[in-house]
N, C-alpha and C. Protein backbone atom coordinates (compact mmCIF):
# COMPACT_ATOMS: atom_id res chain seq x y z
N UNK A 1 -11.64 -9.11 8.30
CA UNK A 1 -10.66 -8.06 9.25
C UNK A 1 -10.14 -7.06 8.14
N UNK A 2 -9.84 -5.92 8.77
CA UNK A 2 -9.09 -5.07 8.11
C UNK A 2 -7.33 -4.65 8.52
N UNK A 3 -6.85 -4.24 7.47
CA UNK A 3 -5.47 -4.15 7.50
C UNK A 3 -5.03 -2.93 7.16
N UNK A 4 -4.18 -2.16 7.89
CA UNK A 4 -3.19 -1.19 7.38
C UNK A 4 -1.82 -1.57 6.55
N UNK A 5 -1.74 -1.21 5.35
CA UNK A 5 -0.42 -1.50 4.73
C UNK A 5 0.27 -0.11 4.90
N UNK A 6 1.35 0.05 5.18
CA UNK A 6 2.16 1.46 5.34
C UNK A 6 3.40 1.17 4.80
N UNK A 7 3.67 1.36 3.48
CA UNK A 7 4.81 1.42 2.80
C UNK A 7 5.81 2.85 2.61
N UNK A 8 7.11 2.96 3.06
CA UNK A 8 7.77 3.61 2.98
C UNK A 8 9.16 3.63 1.45
N UNK A 9 8.96 4.40 0.87
CA UNK A 9 9.60 4.29 -0.49
C UNK A 9 11.15 4.35 0.32
N UNK A 10 12.04 3.60 -0.61
CA UNK A 10 13.64 3.71 -0.49
C UNK A 10 13.83 4.99 -0.99
N UNK A 11 14.87 5.77 -0.28
CA UNK A 11 15.12 7.05 -0.51
C UNK A 11 15.98 7.16 -1.89
N UNK A 12 15.89 8.22 -2.91
CA UNK A 12 16.86 8.20 -3.87
C UNK A 12 16.46 7.09 -5.22
N UNK A 13 15.79 6.11 -4.79
CA UNK A 13 15.15 5.25 -5.99
C UNK A 13 14.01 5.10 -5.97
N UNK A 14 13.16 5.04 -4.75
CA UNK A 14 11.88 5.03 -4.78
C UNK A 14 11.08 5.52 -5.83
N UNK A 15 10.97 6.86 -6.11
CA UNK A 15 10.65 7.82 -6.94
C UNK A 15 10.50 7.07 -8.68
N UNK A 16 11.56 6.98 -9.33
CA UNK A 16 11.90 6.26 -10.54
C UNK A 16 11.28 5.10 -10.74
N UNK A 17 11.65 4.38 -9.62
CA UNK A 17 11.04 2.92 -9.62
C UNK A 17 9.60 2.72 -9.50
N UNK A 18 8.90 3.79 -8.48
CA UNK A 18 7.36 3.88 -8.29
C UNK A 18 6.54 4.45 -9.46
N UNK A 19 7.52 5.17 -10.43
CA UNK A 19 6.67 5.75 -11.59
C UNK A 19 6.73 4.52 -12.69
N UNK A 20 7.61 4.22 -13.12
CA UNK A 20 7.95 2.83 -13.63
C UNK A 20 6.63 1.60 -13.59
N UNK A 21 7.00 1.59 -12.10
CA UNK A 21 5.89 0.33 -11.81
C UNK A 21 4.63 0.61 -11.48
N UNK A 22 4.19 1.62 -11.59
CA UNK A 22 2.78 2.22 -11.39
C UNK A 22 1.93 1.42 -12.04
N UNK A 23 1.75 1.31 -13.31
CA UNK A 23 0.93 0.61 -14.10
C UNK A 23 0.55 -0.68 -13.53
N UNK A 24 1.48 -1.20 -13.32
CA UNK A 24 1.50 -2.88 -12.69
C UNK A 24 0.97 -2.70 -11.18
N UNK A 25 1.00 -1.77 -10.17
CA UNK A 25 0.56 -1.80 -9.48
C UNK A 25 -0.90 -1.60 -9.17
N UNK A 26 -1.26 -0.59 -9.79
CA UNK A 26 -2.45 -0.20 -10.01
C UNK A 26 -3.65 -1.52 -10.38
N UNK A 27 -3.15 -2.08 -11.72
CA UNK A 27 -3.94 -3.51 -12.05
C UNK A 27 -3.85 -4.72 -10.89
N UNK A 28 -2.50 -4.49 -10.17
CA UNK A 28 -2.85 -5.35 -9.13
C UNK A 28 -4.07 -4.97 -8.26
N UNK A 29 -3.72 -3.89 -7.44
CA UNK A 29 -4.88 -3.33 -6.87
C UNK A 29 -6.34 -3.61 -7.29
N UNK A 30 -6.63 -3.25 -8.95
CA UNK A 30 -7.75 -3.50 -9.56
C UNK A 30 -8.41 -5.17 -9.27
N UNK A 31 -7.30 -5.67 -9.46
CA UNK A 31 -7.38 -6.99 -9.44
C UNK A 31 -8.08 -7.89 -8.04
N UNK A 32 -7.56 -6.94 -7.11
CA UNK A 32 -8.04 -7.76 -5.64
C UNK A 32 -9.32 -6.96 -5.41
N UNK A 33 -9.83 -6.07 -6.29
CA UNK A 33 -11.38 -6.05 -6.26
C UNK A 33 -11.71 -5.39 -4.75
N UNK A 34 -12.88 -5.98 -3.88
CA UNK A 34 -13.39 -5.33 -2.75
C UNK A 34 -12.43 -5.48 -1.92
N UNK A 35 -11.62 -6.39 -1.87
CA UNK A 35 -10.57 -6.51 -0.41
C UNK A 35 -9.56 -5.16 -0.48
N UNK A 36 -9.62 -3.99 -1.24
CA UNK A 36 -8.95 -3.18 -1.27
C UNK A 36 -10.14 -2.03 -1.07
N UNK A 37 -9.80 -1.29 0.58
CA UNK A 37 -10.94 -0.73 0.78
C UNK A 37 -10.56 0.93 0.53
N UNK A 38 -9.26 1.14 0.25
CA UNK A 38 -8.82 2.68 -0.02
C UNK A 38 -7.35 2.44 -0.29
N UNK A 39 -6.56 3.31 -0.99
CA UNK A 39 -5.36 3.07 -1.23
C UNK A 39 -4.82 4.47 -1.89
N UNK A 40 -3.58 5.08 -1.85
CA UNK A 40 -2.95 6.04 -2.30
C UNK A 40 -1.59 6.29 -1.98
N UNK A 41 -0.97 7.13 -2.54
CA UNK A 41 0.40 7.58 -1.87
C UNK A 41 0.58 8.89 -1.07
N UNK A 42 1.45 8.36 -0.29
CA UNK A 42 1.84 9.43 1.12
C UNK A 42 2.79 10.48 0.01
N UNK A 43 2.69 11.59 0.48
CA UNK A 43 3.18 12.55 -0.27
C UNK A 43 4.26 13.26 0.84
N UNK A 44 5.43 13.49 0.34
CA UNK A 44 6.46 14.70 0.88
C UNK A 44 5.65 15.83 1.29
N UNK A 45 5.93 16.40 2.36
CA UNK A 45 5.30 17.53 2.58
C UNK A 45 6.25 18.87 1.95
N UNK A 46 7.17 18.74 1.40
CA UNK A 46 8.02 19.53 0.37
C UNK A 46 7.95 18.92 -1.01
N UNK A 47 7.21 19.64 -1.75
CA UNK A 47 7.39 19.20 -3.19
C UNK A 47 6.43 18.36 -3.67
N UNK A 48 5.80 17.76 -2.85
CA UNK A 48 4.47 16.78 -2.99
C UNK A 48 4.71 15.70 -3.65
N UNK A 49 6.10 14.93 -3.73
CA UNK A 49 6.42 13.98 -4.62
C UNK A 49 6.26 12.67 -3.82
N UNK A 50 5.67 11.93 -4.38
CA UNK A 50 5.04 10.43 -3.34
C UNK A 50 6.38 9.97 -2.78
N UNK A 51 6.05 9.55 -1.62
CA UNK A 51 7.26 9.04 -0.67
C UNK A 51 6.47 7.68 0.07
N UNK A 52 5.80 7.18 -0.51
CA UNK A 52 5.12 5.96 0.10
C UNK A 52 3.76 5.58 -0.13
N UNK A 53 3.43 4.45 0.05
CA UNK A 53 1.93 4.25 0.33
C UNK A 53 1.21 3.87 1.31
N UNK A 54 -0.11 4.02 1.21
CA UNK A 54 -1.01 3.49 2.42
C UNK A 54 -2.13 3.07 1.89
N UNK A 55 -2.46 1.86 2.37
CA UNK A 55 -3.52 1.01 1.84
C UNK A 55 -4.49 0.33 2.91
N UNK A 56 -5.54 0.28 2.92
CA UNK A 56 -6.57 -0.34 3.81
C UNK A 56 -7.27 -1.65 3.10
N UNK A 57 -6.85 -2.56 3.49
CA UNK A 57 -7.37 -3.99 2.90
C UNK A 57 -7.85 -4.64 3.98
N UNK A 58 -8.63 -5.74 3.37
CA UNK A 58 -9.33 -6.78 3.80
C UNK A 58 -8.73 -7.87 3.73
N UNK A 59 -8.87 -8.68 4.97
CA UNK A 59 -7.98 -9.98 4.61
C UNK A 59 -8.77 -11.05 5.85
N UNK A 60 -8.50 -12.22 5.67
CA UNK A 60 -8.87 -13.12 6.70
C UNK A 60 -7.91 -13.03 8.03
N UNK A 61 -6.71 -12.76 7.76
CA UNK A 61 -5.62 -13.14 8.58
C UNK A 61 -4.47 -12.17 8.43
N UNK A 62 -3.49 -12.00 9.42
CA UNK A 62 -2.39 -11.01 9.00
C UNK A 62 -1.73 -11.84 8.11
N UNK A 63 -1.44 -13.13 8.35
CA UNK A 63 -0.56 -13.80 7.11
C UNK A 63 -0.98 -13.34 6.02
N UNK A 64 -2.25 -13.44 5.58
CA UNK A 64 -2.80 -13.41 4.29
C UNK A 64 -2.62 -11.63 3.58
N UNK A 65 -3.02 -10.88 4.94
CA UNK A 65 -2.72 -9.31 4.41
C UNK A 65 -1.13 -9.27 4.20
N UNK A 66 -0.13 -9.90 4.68
CA UNK A 66 1.25 -9.41 4.77
C UNK A 66 1.49 -10.35 3.21
N UNK A 67 0.70 -11.38 2.55
CA UNK A 67 1.26 -11.97 1.30
C UNK A 67 0.60 -11.04 0.39
N UNK A 68 -0.57 -10.58 0.46
CA UNK A 68 -1.06 -9.43 -0.37
C UNK A 68 -0.23 -8.43 -0.60
N UNK A 69 0.33 -7.59 0.35
CA UNK A 69 1.30 -6.77 0.28
C UNK A 69 2.52 -7.18 -0.49
N UNK A 70 3.03 -8.07 -0.13
CA UNK A 70 4.38 -8.79 -0.63
C UNK A 70 4.09 -8.98 -2.30
N UNK A 71 3.16 -9.21 -2.61
CA UNK A 71 2.57 -9.63 -4.03
C UNK A 71 2.51 -8.32 -4.72
N UNK A 72 2.32 -6.88 -4.20
CA UNK A 72 2.35 -6.04 -4.70
C UNK A 72 3.35 -5.64 -5.70
N UNK A 73 3.23 -5.23 -7.26
CA UNK A 73 4.46 -5.02 -7.93
C UNK A 73 5.56 -3.80 -7.50
N UNK A 74 4.93 -3.15 -6.54
CA UNK A 74 5.98 -2.35 -6.08
C UNK A 74 7.05 -2.96 -4.91
N UNK A 75 6.78 -3.78 -4.11
CA UNK A 75 7.25 -4.48 -3.68
C UNK A 75 8.23 -5.52 -4.32
N UNK A 76 8.19 -6.06 -5.75
CA UNK A 76 8.89 -6.72 -6.32
C UNK A 76 9.81 -6.01 -6.98
N UNK A 77 9.56 -4.74 -7.44
CA UNK A 77 10.51 -3.81 -7.77
C UNK A 77 11.19 -3.28 -7.03
N UNK A 78 10.96 -3.19 -5.66
CA UNK A 78 11.80 -3.09 -4.53
C UNK A 78 11.90 -1.33 -4.33
N UNK A 79 10.48 -1.10 -4.46
CA UNK A 79 10.39 0.51 -4.24
C UNK A 79 10.37 0.86 -2.90
N UNK A 80 10.25 -0.05 -2.13
CA UNK A 80 9.82 0.10 -0.58
C UNK A 80 11.10 -0.01 0.39
N UNK A 81 11.19 0.92 0.92
CA UNK A 81 12.48 0.49 2.17
C UNK A 81 12.13 -0.32 3.29
N UNK A 82 10.74 0.05 3.50
CA UNK A 82 9.96 -0.74 4.47
C UNK A 82 8.50 -0.94 4.39
N UNK A 83 7.89 -1.92 4.76
CA UNK A 83 6.42 -2.31 4.78
C UNK A 83 6.10 -2.95 6.05
N UNK A 84 4.92 -2.12 6.47
CA UNK A 84 4.50 -2.56 8.00
C UNK A 84 3.01 -3.08 7.66
N UNK A 85 2.37 -4.08 8.22
CA UNK A 85 1.08 -4.40 8.10
C UNK A 85 0.60 -4.90 9.47
N UNK A 86 -0.39 -3.96 9.68
CA UNK A 86 -0.97 -3.74 11.20
C UNK A 86 -2.72 -3.98 10.88
N UNK A 87 -3.00 -4.84 12.16
CA UNK A 87 -4.67 -4.77 12.16
C UNK A 87 -4.96 -3.37 12.29
N UNK A 88 -6.18 -3.15 11.52
CA UNK A 88 -6.75 -1.82 11.76
C UNK A 88 -8.13 -1.90 12.31
N UNK A 89 -8.70 -1.18 13.14
CA UNK A 89 -10.05 -0.84 13.62
C UNK A 89 -10.49 -0.04 13.36
N UNK A 90 -11.44 0.77 12.60
CA UNK A 90 -11.81 1.79 11.95
C UNK A 90 -12.93 2.43 13.39
N UNK A 91 -12.75 3.81 13.50
CA UNK A 91 -13.80 4.31 14.71
C UNK A 91 -14.42 5.31 14.18
N UNK A 92 -14.32 5.94 13.03
CA UNK A 92 -15.17 7.00 12.59
C UNK A 92 -14.99 6.78 10.95
N UNK A 93 -15.83 7.39 10.42
CA UNK A 93 -15.79 7.51 9.04
C UNK A 93 -16.49 6.58 8.35
N UNK A 94 -16.27 6.34 7.08
CA UNK A 94 -16.52 5.40 5.97
C UNK A 94 -16.78 4.04 6.20
N UNK A 95 -15.77 3.80 7.03
CA UNK A 95 -15.31 2.23 7.45
C UNK A 95 -15.72 1.92 8.84
N UNK A 96 -16.50 2.68 9.55
CA UNK A 96 -16.79 2.24 10.83
C UNK A 96 -17.55 1.11 11.03
N UNK A 97 -16.98 0.25 11.78
CA UNK A 97 -17.75 -0.81 12.12
C UNK A 97 -19.22 -0.91 12.85
């Protein structure tokens, strides 16, 4: 199953913590291998600074997808104000079922 992981940074502290934790975050995603279908930062409309993350991951079930999100170094560094993990079904594009 595919899941969308939608993470929003904490205002005021997210960017600094995000930059400090970024190498560990990228290494974590790399270690997940093919489970990560795509990932990237969501950018603020003004200034273009990161204000969150969006990942599409593959997992056997919702609980496992939530565990993957919780183990992200960004989560451990308390970069995020909120994390939402939702089942996702592609309808168009490279992930079309």
